[in-house]
Amino acid sequence: MAEHAPRRQPTLDEVAERAGVSRSVASRALNNAPHVSRAKREAVERAVRQLGYVPNPSARALATRQTGAAALVVSGEDPSIFADPFFAQVIVGASTALEEADLHLMLCLAASDRGRKRVAELFRSKGADGVMLMALREGDPLAGVAQEAEMPVVFGGRPVGSAPRWYVDVDNVGGAREATEYLVSCGRTRVAAICGRLDTEAGRARYRGYRDALLAAGLDPLPPQEGDFTEPSGAAAMAVLLAHHPEVDGVFAANDNMAAGALRTLRSAGRAVPADIAVVGFDDLTVAQVADPPLTTVHQPITALGREMARMLVTVIHGHDPSPLILPTRLVIRSSA
């Protein structure tokens, strides 16, 4: 009598299909990862029972291994971005917190298609115990990769149009609103905004805070003059504002680099600061203190941003589910406004 062929073992893909979830969610549920909803976990467990699925022990060991490292991934186009004073302070905060947790810090820059592929492979291969992901722009493919990742991901700043499960951000709207309210309290009635990239949440939120403050004061916001958070872009934006809106008597710049560029253009144009035009920045970087004149600016706790991102990531790695965190800002008054 012919022998029966051995019964084929069901696959993880079949479990995921039966449970109505993605393969990565099914894998996370089977490996008892903390970042899976109860409903999806129960659906996966039900599919496992129905199909008789048996996880591969070696695959499970690979999926649950720990590397002893966490990655800080910055999605940007400039390889020198880690030398920017903002990101330097983020790195200091993150590395300090990870050192306390005995985790090494890996730095990854997704500055090209090749760089993004390497980062995507980091997610797929679980080359770190967790990832901190920063500087996402609208439509960035890394956002989707992060959502499907089989490892904890904490966002530094919210991606445009979404609120991920774990993120640390600063009060961008409130800080920009306070800066603009201060300009209005100084008697400025034609206040312009040099905003950051409008395909980033920080750029949009800071312009929103500026706009809300002017509308509340009964003043008309000007259309946003977009920069890219660099000093040259601030200088160019200020030149455009002077050409199209020479009556401007106040400027809110969405970061200190662009504010410093605006000061350079105003000096070249013979406009006195703050007598003719008052300028307020955002960040409170060293450039704000050494600018001529020193910048009134919104202080954001940049080192704390990196530290709290890392602490949140460690908490998730240890199986907990922390709430998102918004850090406060405060206005620092100097000589430019």
C-alpha atoms as a PDB file:
ATOM      1  CA  MET A   1       0.000   0.000   0.000  1.00  0.00           C
ATOM      2  CA  ALA A   2       1.324   3.483  -0.961  1.00  0.00           C
ATOM      3  CA  GLU A   3       2.565   5.603   1.891  1.00  0.00           C
ATOM      4  CA  HIS A   4       0.825   8.904   2.554  1.00  0.00           C
ATOM      5  CA  ALA A   5       2.894  12.001   1.769  1.00  0.00           C
ATOM      6  CA  PRO A   6       3.865  13.935   4.910  1.00  0.00           C
ATOM      7  CA  ARG A   7       1.460  16.760   5.720  1.00  0.00           C
ATOM      8  CA  ARG A   8       2.874  20.156   4.725  1.00  0.00           C
ATOM      9  CA  GLN A   9       3.396  22.502   7.652  1.00  0.00           C
ATOM     10  CA  PRO A  10       1.502  25.804   7.438  1.00  0.00           C
ATOM     11  CA  THR A  11       3.625  28.917   6.968  1.00  0.00           C
ATOM     12  CA  LEU A  12       3.758  32.216   8.823  1.00  0.00           C
ATOM     13  CA  ASP A  13       2.291  33.905   5.737  1.00  0.00           C
ATOM     14  CA  GLU A  14      -0.744  31.628   5.960  1.00  0.00           C
ATOM     15  CA  VAL A  15      -1.135  32.427   9.661  1.00  0.00           C
ATOM     16  CA  ALA A  16      -1.020  36.148   8.862  1.00  0.00           C
ATOM     17  CA  GLU A  17      -3.581  35.766   6.066  1.00  0.00           C
ATOM     18  CA  ARG A  18      -5.946  33.752   8.270  1.00  0.00           C
ATOM     19  CA  ALA A  19      -5.600  36.334  11.092  1.00  0.00           C
ATOM     20  CA  GLY A  20      -6.093  39.279   8.733  1.00  0.00           C
ATOM     21  CA  VAL A  21      -2.801  40.924   9.704  1.00  0.00           C
ATOM     22  CA  SER A  22       0.555  41.572   8.044  1.00  0.00           C
ATOM     23  CA  ARG A  23       3.347  39.026   8.265  1.00  0.00           C
ATOM     24  CA  SER A  24       5.361  41.311  10.544  1.00  0.00           C
ATOM     25  CA  VAL A  25       2.436  41.707  12.966  1.00  0.00           C
ATOM     26  CA  ALA A  26       1.976  37.942  13.049  1.00  0.00           C
ATOM     27  CA  SER A  27       5.678  37.500  13.795  1.00  0.00           C
ATOM     28  CA  ARG A  28       5.620  40.077  16.577  1.00  0.00           C
ATOM     29  CA  ALA A  29       2.564  38.404  18.139  1.00  0.00           C
ATOM     30  CA  LEU A  30       4.187  34.975  18.056  1.00  0.00           C
ATOM     31  CA  ASN A  31       7.368  36.356  19.633  1.00  0.00           C
ATOM     32  CA  ASN A  32       5.415  38.060  22.427  1.00  0.00           C
ATOM     33  CA  ALA A  33       6.581  41.511  21.356  1.00  0.00           C
ATOM     34  CA  PRO A  34       4.878  44.271  23.356  1.00  0.00           C
ATOM     35  CA  HIS A  35       3.883  46.450  20.408  1.00  0.00           C
ATOM     36  CA  VAL A  36       0.900  44.396  19.161  1.00  0.00           C
ATOM     37  CA  SER A  37      -2.720  45.168  20.014  1.00  0.00           C
ATOM     38  CA  ARG A  38      -4.698  42.645  22.024  1.00  0.00           C
ATOM     39  CA  ALA A  39      -7.188  42.089  19.198  1.00  0.00           C
ATOM     40  CA  LYS A  40      -4.459  41.308  16.662  1.00  0.00           C
ATOM     41  CA  ARG A  41      -2.600  39.087  19.108  1.00  0.00           C
ATOM     42  CA  GLU A  42      -5.776  37.070  19.750  1.00  0.00           C
ATOM     43  CA  ALA A  43      -6.460  36.831  16.011  1.00  0.00           C
ATOM     44  CA  VAL A  44      -2.967  35.428  15.423  1.00  0.00           C
ATOM     45  CA  GLU A  45      -3.290  32.953  18.301  1.00  0.00           C
ATOM     46  CA  ARG A  46      -6.628  31.792  16.890  1.00  0.00           C
ATOM     47  CA  ALA A  47      -5.109  31.315  13.418  1.00  0.00           C
ATOM     48  CA  VAL A  48      -2.222  29.323  14.910  1.00  0.00           C
ATOM     49  CA  ARG A  49      -4.671  26.933  16.593  1.00  0.00           C
ATOM     50  CA  GLN A  50      -6.829  26.562  13.518  1.00  0.00           C
ATOM     51  CA  LEU A  51      -3.906  25.877  11.178  1.00  0.00           C
ATOM     52  CA  GLY A  52      -1.777  23.884  13.593  1.00  0.00           C
ATOM     53  CA  TYR A  53       1.173  26.184  12.993  1.00  0.00           C
ATOM     54  CA  VAL A  54       4.399  25.327  14.864  1.00  0.00           C
ATOM     55  CA  PRO A  55       7.048  28.095  14.991  1.00  0.00           C
ATOM     56  CA  ASN A  56      10.554  27.130  13.948  1.00  0.00           C
ATOM     57  CA  PRO A  57      12.688  27.189  17.121  1.00  0.00           C
ATOM     58  CA  SER A  58      15.790  28.521  15.358  1.00  0.00           C
ATOM     59  CA  ALA A  59      13.762  31.223  13.632  1.00  0.00           C
ATOM     60  CA  ARG A  60      12.175  32.187  16.937  1.00  0.00           C
ATOM     61  CA  ALA A  61      15.612  32.427  18.566  1.00  0.00           C
ATOM     62  CA  LEU A  62      16.788  34.628  15.705  1.00  0.00           C
ATOM     63  CA  ALA A  63      13.709  36.837  15.958  1.00  0.00           C
ATOM     64  CA  THR A  64      14.041  37.369  19.686  1.00  0.00           C
ATOM     65  CA  ARG A  65      17.815  37.824  19.895  1.00  0.00           C
ATOM     66  CA  GLN A  66      19.196  41.022  21.374  1.00  0.00           C
ATOM     67  CA  THR A  67      22.039  42.975  19.805  1.00  0.00           C
ATOM     68  CA  GLY A  68      22.891  45.288  22.706  1.00  0.00           C
ATOM     69  CA  ALA A  69      22.546  48.312  20.441  1.00  0.00           C
ATOM     70  CA  ALA A  70      19.959  50.938  19.503  1.00  0.00           C
ATOM     71  CA  ALA A  71      20.022  52.958  16.289  1.00  0.00           C
ATOM     72  CA  LEU A  72      19.403  56.656  15.745  1.00  0.00           C
ATOM     73  CA  VAL A  73      18.244  56.996  12.144  1.00  0.00           C
ATOM     74  CA  VAL A  74      18.048  60.434  10.554  1.00  0.00           C
ATOM     75  CA  SER A  75      16.263  60.722   7.233  1.00  0.00           C
ATOM     76  CA  GLY A  76      18.003  63.547   5.412  1.00  0.00           C
ATOM     77  CA  GLU A  77      19.857  64.520   2.250  1.00  0.00           C
ATOM     78  CA  ASP A  78      23.016  66.061   3.741  1.00  0.00           C
ATOM     79  CA  PRO A  79      25.696  63.654   5.034  1.00  0.00           C
ATOM     80  CA  SER A  80      26.990  66.423   7.345  1.00  0.00           C
ATOM     81  CA  ILE A  81      23.676  66.579   9.214  1.00  0.00           C
ATOM     82  CA  PHE A  82      25.118  64.903  12.315  1.00  0.00           C
ATOM     83  CA  ALA A  83      27.500  67.884  12.638  1.00  0.00           C
ATOM     84  CA  ASP A  84      24.533  70.248  12.908  1.00  0.00           C
ATOM     85  CA  PRO A  85      24.405  71.609  16.496  1.00  0.00           C
ATOM     86  CA  PHE A  86      20.780  70.450  16.817  1.00  0.00           C
ATOM     87  CA  PHE A  87      21.520  66.818  16.031  1.00  0.00           C
ATOM     88  CA  ALA A  88      24.765  66.939  18.010  1.00  0.00           C
ATOM     89  CA  GLN A  89      22.738  67.771  21.135  1.00  0.00           C
ATOM     90  CA  VAL A  90      20.214  65.031  20.334  1.00  0.00           C
ATOM     91  CA  ILE A  91      23.065  62.525  20.095  1.00  0.00           C
ATOM     92  CA  VAL A  92      24.480  63.640  23.455  1.00  0.00           C
ATOM     93  CA  GLY A  93      21.112  63.124  25.153  1.00  0.00           C
ATOM     94  CA  ALA A  94      20.423  59.783  23.493  1.00  0.00           C
ATOM     95  CA  SER A  95      23.868  58.329  24.116  1.00  0.00           C
ATOM     96  CA  THR A  96      23.748  59.279  27.801  1.00  0.00           C
ATOM     97  CA  ALA A  97      20.423  57.496  28.327  1.00  0.00           C
ATOM     98  CA  LEU A  98      21.491  54.422  26.348  1.00  0.00           C
ATOM     99  CA  GLU A  99      24.731  54.175  28.297  1.00  0.00           C
ATOM    100  CA  GLU A 100      22.678  53.959  31.494  1.00  0.00           C
ATOM    101  CA  ALA A 101      20.805  51.020  29.914  1.00  0.00           C
ATOM    102  CA  ASP A 102      24.029  49.317  28.697  1.00  0.00           C
ATOM    103  CA  LEU A 103      23.081  49.822  25.054  1.00  0.00           C
ATOM    104  CA  HIS A 104      25.408  51.044  22.324  1.00  0.00           C
ATOM    105  CA  LEU A 105      24.312  53.860  20.011  1.00  0.00           C
ATOM    106  CA  MET A 106      24.414  53.304  16.248  1.00  0.00           C
ATOM    107  CA  LEU A 107      24.107  56.317  13.922  1.00  0.00           C
ATOM    108  CA  CYS A 108      22.464  55.786  10.527  1.00  0.00           C
ATOM    109  CA  LEU A 109      21.815  58.388   7.818  1.00  0.00           C
ATOM    110  CA  ALA A 110      19.267  57.735   5.098  1.00  0.00           C
ATOM    111  CA  ALA A 111      20.691  60.346   2.719  1.00  0.00           C
ATOM    112  CA  SER A 112      20.226  58.463  -0.553  1.00  0.00           C
ATOM    113  CA  ASP A 113      18.342  55.544  -2.063  1.00  0.00           C
ATOM    114  CA  ARG A 114      21.261  53.331  -1.058  1.00  0.00           C
ATOM    115  CA  GLY A 115      21.192  54.709   2.485  1.00  0.00           C
ATOM    116  CA  ARG A 116      17.452  54.156   2.778  1.00  0.00           C
ATOM    117  CA  LYS A 117      17.860  50.576   1.567  1.00  0.00           C
ATOM    118  CA  ARG A 118      20.519  49.974   4.235  1.00  0.00           C
ATOM    119  CA  VAL A 119      18.189  51.339   6.905  1.00  0.00           C
ATOM    120  CA  ALA A 120      15.299  49.237   5.601  1.00  0.00           C
ATOM    121  CA  GLU A 121      17.577  46.184   5.838  1.00  0.00           C
ATOM    122  CA  LEU A 122      18.404  47.161   9.427  1.00  0.00           C
ATOM    123  CA  PHE A 123      14.691  46.998  10.199  1.00  0.00           C
ATOM    124  CA  ARG A 124      14.194  43.703   8.394  1.00  0.00           C
ATOM    125  CA  SER A 125      17.259  41.970   9.847  1.00  0.00           C
ATOM    126  CA  LYS A 126      16.654  43.282  13.380  1.00  0.00           C
ATOM    127  CA  GLY A 127      20.190  44.580  13.424  1.00  0.00           C
ATOM    128  CA  ALA A 128      19.377  46.598  16.552  1.00  0.00           C
ATOM    129  CA  ASP A 129      17.147  46.129  19.577  1.00  0.00           C
ATOM    130  CA  GLY A 130      15.232  49.272  18.639  1.00  0.00           C
ATOM    131  CA  VAL A 131      15.328  52.403  16.506  1.00  0.00           C
ATOM    132  CA  MET A 132      14.888  56.130  17.078  1.00  0.00           C
ATOM    133  CA  LEU A 133      13.741  57.704  13.810  1.00  0.00           C
ATOM    134  CA  MET A 134      14.038  61.451  13.133  1.00  0.00           C
ATOM    135  CA  ALA A 135      13.606  64.127  10.455  1.00  0.00           C
ATOM    136  CA  LEU A 136      10.952  62.362   8.404  1.00  0.00           C
ATOM    137  CA  ARG A 137       9.398  64.361   5.591  1.00  0.00           C
ATOM    138  CA  GLU A 138       5.956  63.837   4.122  1.00  0.00           C
ATOM    139  CA  GLY A 139       5.804  60.666   2.067  1.00  0.00           C
ATOM    140  CA  ASP A 140       9.111  59.327   3.383  1.00  0.00           C
ATOM    141  CA  PRO A 141       9.146  55.558   2.648  1.00  0.00           C
ATOM    142  CA  LEU A 142      10.895  54.926   5.966  1.00  0.00           C
ATOM    143  CA  ALA A 143       7.644  55.732   7.778  1.00  0.00           C
ATOM    144  CA  GLY A 144       6.000  52.702   6.185  1.00  0.00           C
ATOM    145  CA  VAL A 145       9.045  50.540   6.821  1.00  0.00           C
ATOM    146  CA  ALA A 146       8.961  51.556  10.479  1.00  0.00           C
ATOM    147  CA  GLN A 147       5.280  50.668  10.791  1.00  0.00           C
ATOM    148  CA  GLU A 148       6.033  47.142   9.578  1.00  0.00           C
ATOM    149  CA  ALA A 149       9.222  46.747  11.599  1.00  0.00           C
ATOM    150  CA  GLU A 150       9.564  43.768  13.913  1.00  0.00           C
ATOM    151  CA  MET A 151      11.321  45.911  16.498  1.00  0.00           C
ATOM    152  CA  PRO A 152      10.378  48.911  18.676  1.00  0.00           C
ATOM    153  CA  VAL A 153      10.531  52.280  16.889  1.00  0.00           C
ATOM    154  CA  VAL A 154      10.343  55.633  18.671  1.00  0.00           C
ATOM    155  CA  PHE A 155       9.889  58.739  16.537  1.00  0.00           C
ATOM    156  CA  GLY A 156      11.666  61.990  17.292  1.00  0.00           C
ATOM    157  CA  GLY A 157       8.974  64.423  16.201  1.00  0.00           C
ATOM    158  CA  ARG A 158       5.687  63.269  14.746  1.00  0.00           C
ATOM    159  CA  PRO A 159       5.580  62.359  11.051  1.00  0.00           C
ATOM    160  CA  VAL A 160       3.305  64.504   8.891  1.00  0.00           C
ATOM    161  CA  GLY A 161      -0.327  63.415   9.078  1.00  0.00           C
ATOM    162  CA  SER A 162       0.082  60.615  11.600  1.00  0.00           C
ATOM    163  CA  ALA A 163       0.558  59.964  15.289  1.00  0.00           C
ATOM    164  CA  PRO A 164       2.661  56.825  15.817  1.00  0.00           C
ATOM    165  CA  ARG A 165       2.350  54.815  18.972  1.00  0.00           C
ATOM    166  CA  TRP A 166       5.602  56.060  20.488  1.00  0.00           C
ATOM    167  CA  TYR A 167       7.086  59.490  19.881  1.00  0.00           C
ATOM    168  CA  VAL A 168       8.768  62.388  21.661  1.00  0.00           C
ATOM    169  CA  ASP A 169       8.208  65.904  20.363  1.00  0.00           C
ATOM    170  CA  VAL A 170       8.369  69.500  21.537  1.00  0.00           C
ATOM    171  CA  ASP A 171       5.518  71.986  21.715  1.00  0.00           C
ATOM    172  CA  ASN A 172       6.149  73.457  18.273  1.00  0.00           C
ATOM    173  CA  VAL A 173       2.780  75.176  18.002  1.00  0.00           C
ATOM    174  CA  GLY A 174       2.929  76.674  21.485  1.00  0.00           C
ATOM    175  CA  GLY A 175       6.498  77.875  21.095  1.00  0.00           C
ATOM    176  CA  ALA A 176       5.809  79.574  17.766  1.00  0.00           C
ATOM    177  CA  ARG A 177       2.645  81.120  19.140  1.00  0.00           C
ATOM    178  CA  GLU A 178       4.503  82.561  22.143  1.00  0.00           C
ATOM    179  CA  ALA A 179       7.218  83.992  19.879  1.00  0.00           C
ATOM    180  CA  THR A 180       4.670  85.688  17.641  1.00  0.00           C
ATOM    181  CA  GLU A 181       2.637  86.967  20.575  1.00  0.00           C
ATOM    182  CA  TYR A 182       5.806  88.561  21.911  1.00  0.00           C
ATOM    183  CA  LEU A 183       6.414  90.357  18.603  1.00  0.00           C
ATOM    184  CA  VAL A 184       2.842  91.655  18.657  1.00  0.00           C
ATOM    185  CA  SER A 185       3.242  92.797  22.279  1.00  0.00           C
ATOM    186  CA  CYS A 186       6.252  94.839  21.143  1.00  0.00           C
ATOM    187  CA  GLY A 187       3.975  96.767  18.773  1.00  0.00           C
ATOM    188  CA  ARG A 188       4.770  94.875  15.565  1.00  0.00           C
ATOM    189  CA  THR A 189       1.772  94.720  13.235  1.00  0.00           C
ATOM    190  CA  ARG A 190       3.257  93.348   9.991  1.00  0.00           C
ATOM    191  CA  VAL A 191       4.856  90.137  11.149  1.00  0.00           C
ATOM    192  CA  ALA A 192       6.162  87.609   8.613  1.00  0.00           C
ATOM    193  CA  ALA A 193       7.190  83.976   9.048  1.00  0.00           C
ATOM    194  CA  ILE A 194      10.219  82.229   7.630  1.00  0.00           C
ATOM    195  CA  CYS A 195       9.007  78.691   8.166  1.00  0.00           C
ATOM    196  CA  GLY A 196      10.877  75.437   7.830  1.00  0.00           C
ATOM    197  CA  ARG A 197      10.066  72.788   5.273  1.00  0.00           C
ATOM    198  CA  LEU A 198       6.312  72.485   4.964  1.00  0.00           C
ATOM    199  CA  ASP A 199       6.639  68.771   4.245  1.00  0.00           C
ATOM    200  CA  THR A 200       7.733  68.311   7.869  1.00  0.00           C
ATOM    201  CA  GLU A 201       5.500  68.402  10.933  1.00  0.00           C
ATOM    202  CA  ALA A 202       7.808  70.882  12.691  1.00  0.00           C
ATOM    203  CA  GLY A 203       7.650  73.266   9.735  1.00  0.00           C
ATOM    204  CA  ARG A 204       3.869  73.103   9.558  1.00  0.00           C
ATOM    205  CA  ALA A 205       3.306  73.267  13.317  1.00  0.00           C
ATOM    206  CA  ARG A 206       5.513  76.321  13.805  1.00  0.00           C
ATOM    207  CA  TYR A 207       3.780  78.171  10.989  1.00  0.00           C
ATOM    208  CA  ARG A 208       0.447  77.200  12.531  1.00  0.00           C
ATOM    209  CA  GLY A 209       1.489  78.692  15.868  1.00  0.00           C
ATOM    210  CA  TYR A 210       2.542  81.924  14.125  1.00  0.00           C
ATOM    211  CA  ARG A 211      -0.725  82.122  12.201  1.00  0.00           C
ATOM    212  CA  ASP A 212      -2.894  81.390  15.239  1.00  0.00           C
ATOM    213  CA  ALA A 213      -1.217  84.146  17.260  1.00  0.00           C
ATOM    214  CA  LEU A 214      -1.740  86.779  14.557  1.00  0.00           C
ATOM    215  CA  LEU A 215      -5.368  85.819  13.971  1.00  0.00           C
ATOM    216  CA  ALA A 216      -6.048  85.991  17.712  1.00  0.00           C
ATOM    217  CA  ALA A 217      -4.565  89.504  17.706  1.00  0.00           C
ATOM    218  CA  GLY A 218      -6.743  90.579  14.775  1.00  0.00           C
ATOM    219  CA  LEU A 219      -3.772  90.777  12.384  1.00  0.00           C
ATOM    220  CA  ASP A 220      -3.357  89.205   8.966  1.00  0.00           C
ATOM    221  CA  PRO A 221      -0.749  86.433   8.602  1.00  0.00           C
ATOM    222  CA  LEU A 222       1.483  86.641   5.550  1.00  0.00           C
ATOM    223  CA  PRO A 223       1.929  83.599   3.300  1.00  0.00           C
ATOM    224  CA  PRO A 224       4.745  81.382   4.605  1.00  0.00           C
ATOM    225  CA  GLN A 225       8.195  82.027   3.195  1.00  0.00           C
ATOM    226  CA  GLU A 226       9.692  78.562   3.187  1.00  0.00           C
ATOM    227  CA  GLY A 227      13.288  77.734   4.061  1.00  0.00           C
ATOM    228  CA  ASP A 228      15.053  74.454   4.774  1.00  0.00           C
ATOM    229  CA  PHE A 229      16.289  75.214   8.310  1.00  0.00           C
ATOM    230  CA  THR A 230      19.717  76.391   7.023  1.00  0.00           C
ATOM    231  CA  GLU A 231      21.309  79.839   7.314  1.00  0.00           C
ATOM    232  CA  PRO A 232      21.492  80.453   3.531  1.00  0.00           C
ATOM    233  CA  SER A 233      17.789  79.618   3.146  1.00  0.00           C
ATOM    234  CA  GLY A 234      16.922  82.126   5.873  1.00  0.00           C
ATOM    235  CA  ALA A 235      18.974  84.817   4.149  1.00  0.00           C
ATOM    236  CA  ALA A 236      17.268  84.112   0.806  1.00  0.00           C
ATOM    237  CA  ALA A 237      13.794  84.067   2.381  1.00  0.00           C
ATOM    238  CA  MET A 238      14.413  87.413   4.078  1.00  0.00           C
ATOM    239  CA  ALA A 239      15.480  88.930   0.754  1.00  0.00           C
ATOM    240  CA  VAL A 240      12.210  87.776  -0.820  1.00  0.00           C
ATOM    241  CA  LEU A 241      10.213  89.222   2.073  1.00  0.00           C
ATOM    242  CA  LEU A 242      11.905  92.613   1.750  1.00  0.00           C
ATOM    243  CA  ALA A 243      11.223  92.638  -1.982  1.00  0.00           C
ATOM    244  CA  HIS A 244       7.540  91.712  -1.721  1.00  0.00           C
ATOM    245  CA  HIS A 245       6.635  93.040   1.726  1.00  0.00           C
ATOM    246  CA  PRO A 246       8.904  96.015   2.496  1.00  0.00           C
ATOM    247  CA  GLU A 247       6.504  97.090   5.243  1.00  0.00           C
ATOM    248  CA  VAL A 248       7.375  94.065   7.401  1.00  0.00           C
ATOM    249  CA  ASP A 249       8.354  95.117  10.934  1.00  0.00           C
ATOM    250  CA  GLY A 250       8.693  91.700  12.581  1.00  0.00           C
ATOM    251  CA  VAL A 251       9.898  88.233  11.580  1.00  0.00           C
ATOM    252  CA  PHE A 252       9.442  84.868  13.237  1.00  0.00           C
ATOM    253  CA  ALA A 253      11.968  82.366  11.885  1.00  0.00           C
ATOM    254  CA  ALA A 254      11.266  78.693  12.562  1.00  0.00           C
ATOM    255  CA  ASN A 255      14.833  78.008  13.677  1.00  0.00           C
ATOM    256  CA  ASP A 256      17.916  79.953  14.737  1.00  0.00           C
ATOM    257  CA  ASN A 257      19.932  79.104  11.621  1.00  0.00           C
ATOM    258  CA  MET A 258      17.342  80.758   9.386  1.00  0.00           C
ATOM    259  CA  ALA A 259      17.000  83.667  11.822  1.00  0.00           C
ATOM    260  CA  ALA A 260      20.772  84.233  11.597  1.00  0.00           C
ATOM    261  CA  GLY A 261      20.476  84.264   7.811  1.00  0.00           C
ATOM    262  CA  ALA A 262      17.660  86.796   8.057  1.00  0.00           C
ATOM    263  CA  LEU A 263      19.853  89.036  10.226  1.00  0.00           C
ATOM    264  CA  ARG A 264      22.593  88.913   7.594  1.00  0.00           C
ATOM    265  CA  THR A 265      20.206  89.998   4.849  1.00  0.00           C
ATOM    266  CA  LEU A 266      18.740  92.775   6.981  1.00  0.00           C
ATOM    267  CA  ARG A 267      22.213  94.085   7.802  1.00  0.00           C
ATOM    268  CA  SER A 268      23.124  94.110   4.091  1.00  0.00           C
ATOM    269  CA  ALA A 269      19.868  95.944   3.300  1.00  0.00           C
ATOM    270  CA  GLY A 270      20.568  98.617   5.907  1.00  0.00           C
ATOM    271  CA  ARG A 271      17.622  97.611   8.104  1.00  0.00           C
ATOM    272  CA  ALA A 272      18.264  98.051  11.831  1.00  0.00           C
ATOM    273  CA  VAL A 273      17.356  95.215  14.206  1.00  0.00           C
ATOM    274  CA  PRO A 274      15.212  95.574  16.234  1.00  0.00           C
ATOM    275  CA  ALA A 275      14.509  99.279  15.508  1.00  0.00           C
ATOM    276  CA  ASP A 276      13.200  98.656  11.968  1.00  0.00           C
ATOM    277  CA  ILE A 277      12.476  94.919  12.082  1.00  0.00           C
ATOM    278  CA  ALA A 278      12.400  92.649  15.140  1.00  0.00           C
ATOM    279  CA  VAL A 279      13.503  89.030  14.682  1.00  0.00           C
ATOM    280  CA  VAL A 280      12.726  85.954  16.798  1.00  0.00           C
ATOM    281  CA  GLY A 281      14.137  82.476  16.200  1.00  0.00           C
ATOM    282  CA  PHE A 282      13.484  78.954  17.495  1.00  0.00           C
ATOM    283  CA  ASP A 283      15.833  76.384  19.130  1.00  0.00           C
ATOM    284  CA  ASP A 284      18.161  78.491  21.314  1.00  0.00           C
ATOM    285  CA  LEU A 285      21.328  77.141  19.712  1.00  0.00           C
ATOM    286  CA  THR A 286      24.761  78.717  20.255  1.00  0.00           C
ATOM    287  CA  VAL A 287      24.272  80.766  17.088  1.00  0.00           C
ATOM    288  CA  ALA A 288      21.450  82.626  18.849  1.00  0.00           C
ATOM    289  CA  GLN A 289      23.826  83.829  21.562  1.00  0.00           C
ATOM    290  CA  VAL A 290      26.627  84.946  19.221  1.00  0.00           C
ATOM    291  CA  ALA A 291      24.389  86.535  16.559  1.00  0.00           C
ATOM    292  CA  ASP A 292      24.571  90.291  15.962  1.00  0.00           C
ATOM    293  CA  PRO A 293      22.390  91.295  17.709  1.00  0.00           C
ATOM    294  CA  PRO A 294      21.881  88.259  19.990  1.00  0.00           C
ATOM    295  CA  LEU A 295      18.661  86.483  19.081  1.00  0.00           C
ATOM    296  CA  THR A 296      15.459  86.430  21.015  1.00  0.00           C
ATOM    297  CA  THR A 297      14.406  82.835  20.489  1.00  0.00           C
ATOM    298  CA  VAL A 298      12.272  79.928  21.631  1.00  0.00           C
ATOM    299  CA  HIS A 299      14.269  77.493  23.740  1.00  0.00           C
ATOM    300  CA  GLN A 300      13.512  73.846  23.131  1.00  0.00           C
ATOM    301  CA  PRO A 301      15.169  71.162  25.297  1.00  0.00           C
ATOM    302  CA  ILE A 302      17.141  69.468  22.530  1.00  0.00           C
ATOM    303  CA  THR A 303      19.381  67.311  24.716  1.00  0.00           C
ATOM    304  CA  ALA A 304      16.307  66.246  26.677  1.00  0.00           C
ATOM    305  CA  LEU A 305      14.623  65.337  23.382  1.00  0.00           C
ATOM    306  CA  GLY A 306      17.375  62.840  22.623  1.00  0.00           C
ATOM    307  CA  ARG A 307      17.452  61.575  26.194  1.00  0.00           C
ATOM    308  CA  GLU A 308      13.680  61.030  26.400  1.00  0.00           C
ATOM    309  CA  MET A 309      13.592  59.308  23.008  1.00  0.00           C
ATOM    310  CA  ALA A 310      16.219  56.847  24.217  1.00  0.00           C
ATOM    311  CA  ARG A 311      14.508  56.328  27.569  1.00  0.00           C
ATOM    312  CA  MET A 312      11.198  55.665  25.840  1.00  0.00           C
ATOM    313  CA  LEU A 313      12.860  53.188  23.490  1.00  0.00           C
ATOM    314  CA  VAL A 314      14.466  51.327  26.405  1.00  0.00           C
ATOM    315  CA  THR A 315      11.080  51.187  28.124  1.00  0.00           C
ATOM    316  CA  VAL A 316       9.497  49.633  25.027  1.00  0.00           C
ATOM    317  CA  ILE A 317      12.377  47.160  24.619  1.00  0.00           C
ATOM    318  CA  HIS A 318      11.684  46.024  28.182  1.00  0.00           C
ATOM    319  CA  GLY A 319       8.091  45.226  27.281  1.00  0.00           C
ATOM    320  CA  HIS A 320       6.220  48.345  28.419  1.00  0.00           C
ATOM    321  CA  ASP A 321       3.907  50.635  26.465  1.00  0.00           C
ATOM    322  CA  PRO A 322       4.678  54.292  27.323  1.00  0.00           C
ATOM    323  CA  SER A 323       2.553  57.243  26.253  1.00  0.00           C
ATOM    324  CA  PRO A 324       3.825  59.842  23.758  1.00  0.00           C
ATOM    325  CA  LEU A 325       5.685  62.767  25.313  1.00  0.00           C
ATOM    326  CA  ILE A 326       5.541  66.476  24.411  1.00  0.00           C
ATOM    327  CA  LEU A 327       8.342  68.586  25.887  1.00  0.00           C
ATOM    328  CA  PRO A 328       7.714  72.252  26.805  1.00  0.00           C
ATOM    329  CA  THR A 329       9.357  75.306  25.250  1.00  0.00           C
ATOM    330  CA  ARG A 330      10.054  78.768  26.639  1.00  0.00           C
ATOM    331  CA  LEU A 331      10.859  82.193  25.217  1.00  0.00           C
ATOM    332  CA  VAL A 332      14.366  83.590  25.790  1.00  0.00           C
ATOM    333  CA  ILE A 333      14.468  87.361  25.312  1.00  0.00           C
ATOM    334  CA  ARG A 334      17.673  88.929  23.976  1.00  0.00           C
ATOM    335  CA  SER A 335      18.391  91.978  21.802  1.00  0.00           C
ATOM    336  CA  SER A 336      16.865  91.144  18.401  1.00  0.00           C
ATOM    337  CA  ALA A 337      13.270  91.771  19.565  1.00  0.00           C
END
